[in-house]
């Protein structure tokens, strides 16, 4: 029995970043479509812009907040991460005119849940597309 790998070539980190960036923009579009309190105005490029701003805010401020709240995050089994994402969404709302979130608490909590679920789905799809398991040939 021999194994043959059907791996596609490993994409560059820049290509993965761009794919995840566009996927986050799609997640924002889906979130704005599902939730009445979340509006993104300006078309396709507004979604890309909001995803970029959220990514930068999440990378900088989100990292600091997650480090500072690590003990509480362990105690609450990760529920604090949901609140952190809601705060990051509010910061993104304050930084750009394209994103409008009506109510801080419930709308941002639901938006954070939808974005988290969309991120998991996108990551699974990327795993299937870019990192396939070897196929056993008889």
Protein backbone atom coordinates (compact mmCIF):
# COMPACT_ATOMS: atom_id res chain seq x y z
CA UNK A 1 0.00 0.00 0.00
CA UNK A 2 1.46 3.32 -0.96
CA UNK A 3 0.33 6.78 -0.04
CA UNK A 4 0.10 9.53 -2.55
CA UNK A 5 -0.29 13.06 -1.38
CA UNK A 6 -2.76 15.29 -3.16
CA UNK A 7 -1.50 18.43 -1.55
CA UNK A 8 -1.82 21.62 -3.43
CA UNK A 9 1.27 23.78 -3.20
CA UNK A 10 1.56 25.56 0.11
CA UNK A 11 0.26 29.09 -0.37
CA UNK A 12 2.36 32.04 0.65
CA UNK A 13 1.55 33.79 3.93
CA UNK A 14 0.52 36.88 1.96
CA UNK A 15 -1.95 34.85 -0.08
CA UNK A 16 -3.44 33.34 3.08
CA UNK A 17 -3.70 36.79 4.64
CA UNK A 18 -5.55 38.12 1.60
CA UNK A 19 -7.91 35.13 1.54
CA UNK A 20 -8.68 35.50 5.23
CA UNK A 21 -9.15 39.25 4.80
CA UNK A 22 -11.70 38.75 2.03
CA UNK A 23 -13.34 35.98 4.09
CA UNK A 24 -13.65 38.37 7.04
CA UNK A 25 -15.22 40.93 4.71
CA UNK A 26 -17.71 38.26 3.65
CA UNK A 27 -18.37 37.47 7.30
CA UNK A 28 -19.11 41.15 7.92
CA UNK A 29 -21.46 41.16 4.93
CA UNK A 30 -23.25 38.10 6.30
CA UNK A 31 -23.46 39.67 9.77
CA UNK A 32 -24.88 42.92 8.37
CA UNK A 33 -27.40 40.89 6.35
CA UNK A 34 -28.52 38.83 9.38
CA UNK A 35 -28.61 41.53 12.10
CA UNK A 36 -30.85 44.57 11.78
CA UNK A 37 -28.64 46.69 14.04
CA UNK A 38 -25.45 46.26 12.00
CA UNK A 39 -25.16 48.29 8.81
CA UNK A 40 -22.23 48.64 6.44
CA UNK A 41 -22.58 51.31 3.79
CA UNK A 42 -20.42 51.82 0.75
CA UNK A 43 -20.49 48.57 -1.19
CA UNK A 44 -17.80 45.93 -1.61
CA UNK A 45 -14.84 48.14 -0.72
CA UNK A 46 -16.55 49.24 2.49
CA UNK A 47 -16.71 45.60 3.60
CA UNK A 48 -13.03 45.17 2.77
CA UNK A 49 -12.19 48.40 4.63
CA UNK A 50 -14.18 47.41 7.73
CA UNK A 51 -12.51 43.98 7.70
CA UNK A 52 -9.09 45.65 7.51
CA UNK A 53 -9.84 48.04 10.37
CA UNK A 54 -11.27 45.21 12.49
CA UNK A 55 -8.22 43.05 11.75
CA UNK A 56 -5.81 45.77 12.83
CA UNK A 57 -7.84 46.59 15.96
CA UNK A 58 -8.08 42.89 16.78
CA UNK A 59 -4.35 42.35 16.28
CA UNK A 60 -3.27 45.27 18.45
CA UNK A 61 -5.92 46.03 21.05
CA UNK A 62 -7.43 42.53 21.03
CA UNK A 63 -4.10 40.93 21.85
CA UNK A 64 -3.53 43.28 24.78
CA UNK A 65 -7.07 42.74 26.12
CA UNK A 66 -6.79 38.95 25.81
CA UNK A 67 -3.50 38.92 27.71
CA UNK A 68 -4.89 41.16 30.46
CA UNK A 69 -8.08 39.12 30.84
CA UNK A 70 -6.48 35.67 30.60
CA UNK A 71 -7.30 34.62 34.19
CA UNK A 72 -10.95 35.67 33.78
CA UNK A 73 -11.06 33.96 30.41
CA UNK A 74 -9.93 30.70 31.99
CA UNK A 75 -12.48 31.00 34.80
CA UNK A 76 -15.38 31.76 32.44
CA UNK A 77 -14.27 29.12 29.90
CA UNK A 78 -13.83 31.66 27.12
CA UNK A 79 -16.96 33.78 27.53
CA UNK A 80 -14.81 36.86 28.14
CA UNK A 81 -13.50 36.49 24.58
CA UNK A 82 -17.01 37.16 23.35
CA UNK A 83 -17.13 40.42 25.30
CA UNK A 84 -13.67 41.37 24.05
CA UNK A 85 -14.79 40.83 20.46
CA UNK A 86 -17.87 42.97 21.13
CA UNK A 87 -15.64 45.75 22.48
CA UNK A 88 -13.38 45.45 19.43
CA UNK A 89 -16.43 45.74 17.17
CA UNK A 90 -17.45 48.90 19.01
CA UNK A 91 -13.95 50.33 18.57
CA UNK A 92 -14.11 49.50 14.86
CA UNK A 93 -17.50 51.22 14.69
CA UNK A 94 -15.96 54.33 16.24
CA UNK A 95 -13.02 54.32 13.81
CA UNK A 96 -14.93 54.05 10.54
CA UNK A 97 -18.01 55.72 9.12
CA UNK A 98 -18.87 52.67 7.00
CA UNK A 99 -19.85 50.51 9.99
CA UNK A 100 -22.82 51.39 12.16
CA UNK A 101 -23.84 49.33 15.17
CA UNK A 102 -27.06 50.49 16.84
CA UNK A 103 -26.84 49.04 20.35
CA UNK A 104 -23.61 48.21 22.14
CA UNK A 105 -24.58 45.25 24.16
CA UNK A 106 -26.93 42.86 22.39
CA UNK A 107 -26.21 43.80 18.81
CA UNK A 108 -22.44 43.61 19.26
CA UNK A 109 -22.72 40.37 21.24
CA UNK A 110 -24.73 38.77 18.42
CA UNK A 111 -22.37 40.22 15.82
CA UNK A 112 -19.41 38.77 17.74
CA UNK A 113 -21.08 35.35 17.83
CA UNK A 114 -21.84 35.41 14.10
CA UNK A 115 -18.31 36.59 13.24
CA UNK A 116 -16.80 33.85 15.43
CA UNK A 117 -18.92 31.17 13.75
CA UNK A 118 -18.07 32.54 10.32
CA UNK A 119 -14.36 32.49 11.21
CA UNK A 120 -14.59 28.83 12.20
CA UNK A 121 -16.39 27.93 8.97
CA UNK A 122 -13.88 29.86 6.86
CA UNK A 123 -10.95 28.22 8.65
CA UNK A 124 -12.42 24.77 8.02
CA UNK A 125 -12.92 25.58 4.35
CA UNK A 126 -9.35 26.83 4.07
CA UNK A 127 -8.10 23.65 5.74
CA UNK A 128 -9.94 21.54 3.18
CA UNK A 129 -8.77 23.63 0.23
CA UNK A 130 -5.12 24.17 1.13
CA UNK A 131 -4.15 21.31 3.44
CA UNK A 132 -5.68 18.08 2.24
CA UNK A 133 -4.81 14.83 3.97
CA UNK A 134 -2.86 12.23 1.98
CA UNK A 135 -4.99 9.73 0.09
CA UNK A 136 -4.12 6.03 0.48
CA UNK A 137 -3.86 4.32 -2.91
CA UNK A 138 -4.27 0.56 -3.15
